[in-house]
Amino acid sequence: MLYAVAIVFIVIFSLEAAATIIGNVFTIFVFKTQSRLHLKRTYLLLINLAVADLLAGVGEVCVLVFHRIPRTEMKSLSVWWAVQVFGLSVSLMFLALISLERVYAVFWPLRHRVTSARAYNFSIVIAWVIGLCLTGLSVFVDSISHQCGYRLCRCCC
């Protein structure tokens, strides 16, 4: 019974990851080929969101595959786990950024129309850097927890 549940779980995760990868590759393709979308600054946020989601999907597939392969080194699993965490954290940053941009467009429409592409580029760089910092923090906490035997800290327990 437990084996059947694991198989269903793997199939569902695989379908989710495949849909994520295919959908985001299609999104990137559409945004790159449609030249009329290049005039809108919001497309920069959406294409970066698609790239971040693509990273999360690829990371999920690799974690799923490496986790199920016997005798897989923990180091390779940790690398793909970090890629997945990076993709998910950057994706979350871009979702928040798109929401803030839409709020800005609703409350200050005249200012929004004259906002330069430089502001968008700056916010994109900040989102990727914050995602990188969150991933570094996550990897650091994970390495500390492995050294402490999966406890938060042995000295406090």
Protein backbone atom coordinates (compact mmCIF):
# COMPACT_ATOMS: atom_id res chain seq x y z
CA MET A 1 0.00 0.00 0.00
CA LEU A 2 2.79 2.41 0.92
CA TYR A 3 4.59 1.64 -2.35
CA ALA A 4 1.46 2.51 -4.36
CA VAL A 5 1.13 5.82 -2.57
CA ALA A 6 4.77 6.62 -3.35
CA ILE A 7 4.22 5.83 -7.04
CA VAL A 8 1.13 8.08 -7.17
CA PHE A 9 3.09 10.83 -5.42
CA ILE A 10 5.96 10.57 -7.92
CA VAL A 11 3.57 10.58 -10.90
CA ILE A 12 1.73 13.66 -9.64
CA PHE A 13 4.98 15.53 -8.96
CA SER A 14 6.33 14.53 -12.37
CA LEU A 15 3.21 15.80 -14.13
CA GLU A 16 3.35 19.04 -12.17
CA ALA A 17 7.01 19.55 -13.03
CA ALA A 18 6.44 18.75 -16.71
CA ALA A 19 3.52 21.20 -16.88
CA THR A 20 5.66 23.85 -15.17
CA ILE A 21 8.56 23.39 -17.56
CA ILE A 22 6.45 23.23 -20.73
CA GLY A 23 4.27 26.17 -19.72
CA ASN A 24 7.18 28.42 -18.85
CA VAL A 25 9.19 27.52 -21.96
CA PHE A 26 6.09 28.39 -24.00
CA THR A 27 5.69 31.68 -22.08
CA ILE A 28 9.31 32.65 -22.69
CA PHE A 29 8.95 31.74 -26.38
CA VAL A 30 5.82 33.90 -26.75
CA PHE A 31 7.37 36.89 -25.01
CA LYS A 32 10.54 36.65 -27.09
CA THR A 33 8.79 36.28 -30.45
CA GLN A 34 6.02 38.88 -30.03
CA SER A 35 7.73 42.19 -30.73
CA ARG A 36 4.71 44.29 -29.76
CA LEU A 37 5.05 43.03 -26.18
CA HIS A 38 8.58 44.47 -25.96
CA LEU A 39 7.14 47.98 -25.69
CA LYS A 40 5.50 47.25 -22.36
CA ARG A 41 7.73 47.34 -19.31
CA THR A 42 5.64 44.80 -17.41
CA TYR A 43 6.77 42.10 -19.85
CA LEU A 44 10.22 42.32 -18.24
CA LEU A 45 8.74 41.23 -14.93
CA LEU A 46 6.67 38.48 -16.52
CA ILE A 47 9.55 36.99 -18.49
CA ASN A 48 11.73 36.96 -15.37
CA LEU A 49 8.89 35.27 -13.48
CA ALA A 50 8.75 32.61 -16.21
CA VAL A 51 12.52 32.05 -15.98
CA ALA A 52 12.31 31.73 -12.18
CA ASP A 53 9.41 29.28 -12.45
CA LEU A 54 11.37 27.32 -15.05
CA LEU A 55 14.29 27.06 -12.61
CA ALA A 56 11.93 25.84 -9.90
CA GLY A 57 10.45 23.23 -12.25
CA VAL A 58 13.84 21.94 -13.37
CA GLY A 59 14.99 21.84 -9.76
CA GLU A 60 11.89 19.87 -8.79
CA VAL A 61 12.46 17.30 -11.53
CA CYS A 62 16.11 16.88 -10.57
CA VAL A 63 15.36 16.59 -6.86
CA LEU A 64 12.67 14.02 -7.62
CA VAL A 65 14.98 12.00 -9.87
CA PHE A 66 18.06 12.16 -7.66
CA HIS A 67 16.06 11.41 -4.54
CA ARG A 68 14.76 8.16 -6.04
CA ILE A 69 18.09 6.95 -7.48
CA PRO A 70 19.81 4.61 -5.02
CA ARG A 71 23.28 5.61 -3.79
CA THR A 72 22.95 9.18 -4.97
CA GLU A 73 25.44 11.50 -3.37
CA MET A 74 23.87 13.92 -0.94
CA LYS A 75 25.94 16.71 -2.50
CA SER A 76 24.25 16.44 -5.90
CA LEU A 77 20.84 16.32 -4.25
CA SER A 78 21.73 19.43 -2.23
CA VAL A 79 22.77 21.31 -5.37
CA TRP A 80 19.46 20.63 -7.10
CA TRP A 81 17.58 21.39 -3.91
CA ALA A 82 19.36 24.77 -3.83
CA VAL A 83 18.37 25.39 -7.48
CA GLN A 84 14.77 24.63 -6.58
CA VAL A 85 14.85 26.90 -3.54
CA PHE A 86 16.43 29.66 -5.63
CA GLY A 87 13.77 29.34 -8.33
CA LEU A 88 10.93 29.32 -5.82
CA SER A 89 12.22 32.28 -3.81
CA VAL A 90 12.87 34.38 -6.94
CA SER A 91 9.46 33.41 -8.28
CA LEU A 92 7.88 34.62 -5.06
CA MET A 93 9.85 37.87 -5.30
CA PHE A 94 8.61 38.47 -8.85
CA LEU A 95 5.01 37.73 -7.88
CA ALA A 96 5.29 40.33 -5.14
CA LEU A 97 6.99 42.75 -7.52
CA ILE A 98 4.27 42.35 -10.15
CA SER A 99 1.64 42.93 -7.46
CA LEU A 100 3.39 46.09 -6.29
CA GLU A 101 3.74 47.31 -9.87
CA ARG A 102 0.01 46.83 -10.44
CA VAL A 103 -0.82 48.71 -7.23
CA TYR A 104 1.45 51.51 -8.37
CA ALA A 105 -0.32 51.57 -11.75
CA VAL A 106 -3.75 51.78 -10.11
CA PHE A 107 -3.01 54.40 -7.46
CA TRP A 108 -0.59 56.59 -9.43
CA PRO A 109 -1.39 56.03 -13.13
CA LEU A 110 0.36 59.17 -14.38
CA ARG A 111 3.57 58.40 -12.52
CA HIS A 112 3.38 54.81 -13.69
CA ARG A 113 3.23 55.87 -17.34
CA VAL A 114 6.46 57.85 -17.06
CA THR A 115 8.36 55.33 -14.95
CA SER A 116 11.60 54.51 -16.73
CA ALA A 117 12.78 51.07 -17.74
CA ARG A 118 15.76 51.68 -15.46
CA ALA A 119 13.49 51.39 -12.41
CA TYR A 120 12.17 48.07 -13.73
CA ASN A 121 15.69 46.79 -14.41
CA PHE A 122 16.80 47.83 -10.93
CA SER A 123 13.85 46.04 -9.31
CA ILE A 124 14.58 42.91 -11.39
CA VAL A 125 18.20 42.85 -10.23
CA ILE A 126 17.11 43.35 -6.62
CA ALA A 127 14.64 40.45 -6.88
CA TRP A 128 17.35 38.08 -8.21
CA VAL A 129 19.82 39.21 -5.53
CA ILE A 130 17.27 38.74 -2.72
CA GLY A 131 16.51 35.27 -4.08
CA LEU A 132 20.21 34.46 -4.13
CA CYS A 133 20.58 35.67 -0.54
CA LEU A 134 17.60 33.61 0.61
CA THR A 135 19.05 30.55 -1.11
CA GLY A 136 22.42 31.12 0.51
CA LEU A 137 20.75 31.46 3.89
CA SER A 138 18.75 28.29 3.29
CA VAL A 139 21.85 26.32 2.27
CA PHE A 140 23.73 27.66 5.29
CA VAL A 141 20.96 26.68 7.71
CA ASP A 142 20.72 23.26 6.05
CA SER A 143 24.46 22.66 6.42
CA ILE A 144 24.34 23.73 10.07
CA SER A 145 21.41 21.39 10.72
CA HIS A 146 23.33 18.49 9.13
CA GLN A 147 26.31 19.21 11.38
CA CYS A 148 24.07 19.33 14.44
CA GLY A 149 22.34 16.07 13.63
CA TYR A 150 19.16 17.66 12.22
CA ARG A 151 18.54 19.61 15.39
CA LEU A 152 18.50 23.35 15.49
CA CYS A 153 21.46 23.40 17.84
CA ARG A 154 22.89 20.71 20.12
CA CYS A 155 24.22 23.18 22.62
CA CYS A 156 20.70 24.46 23.35
CA CYS A 157 19.02 21.05 23.58
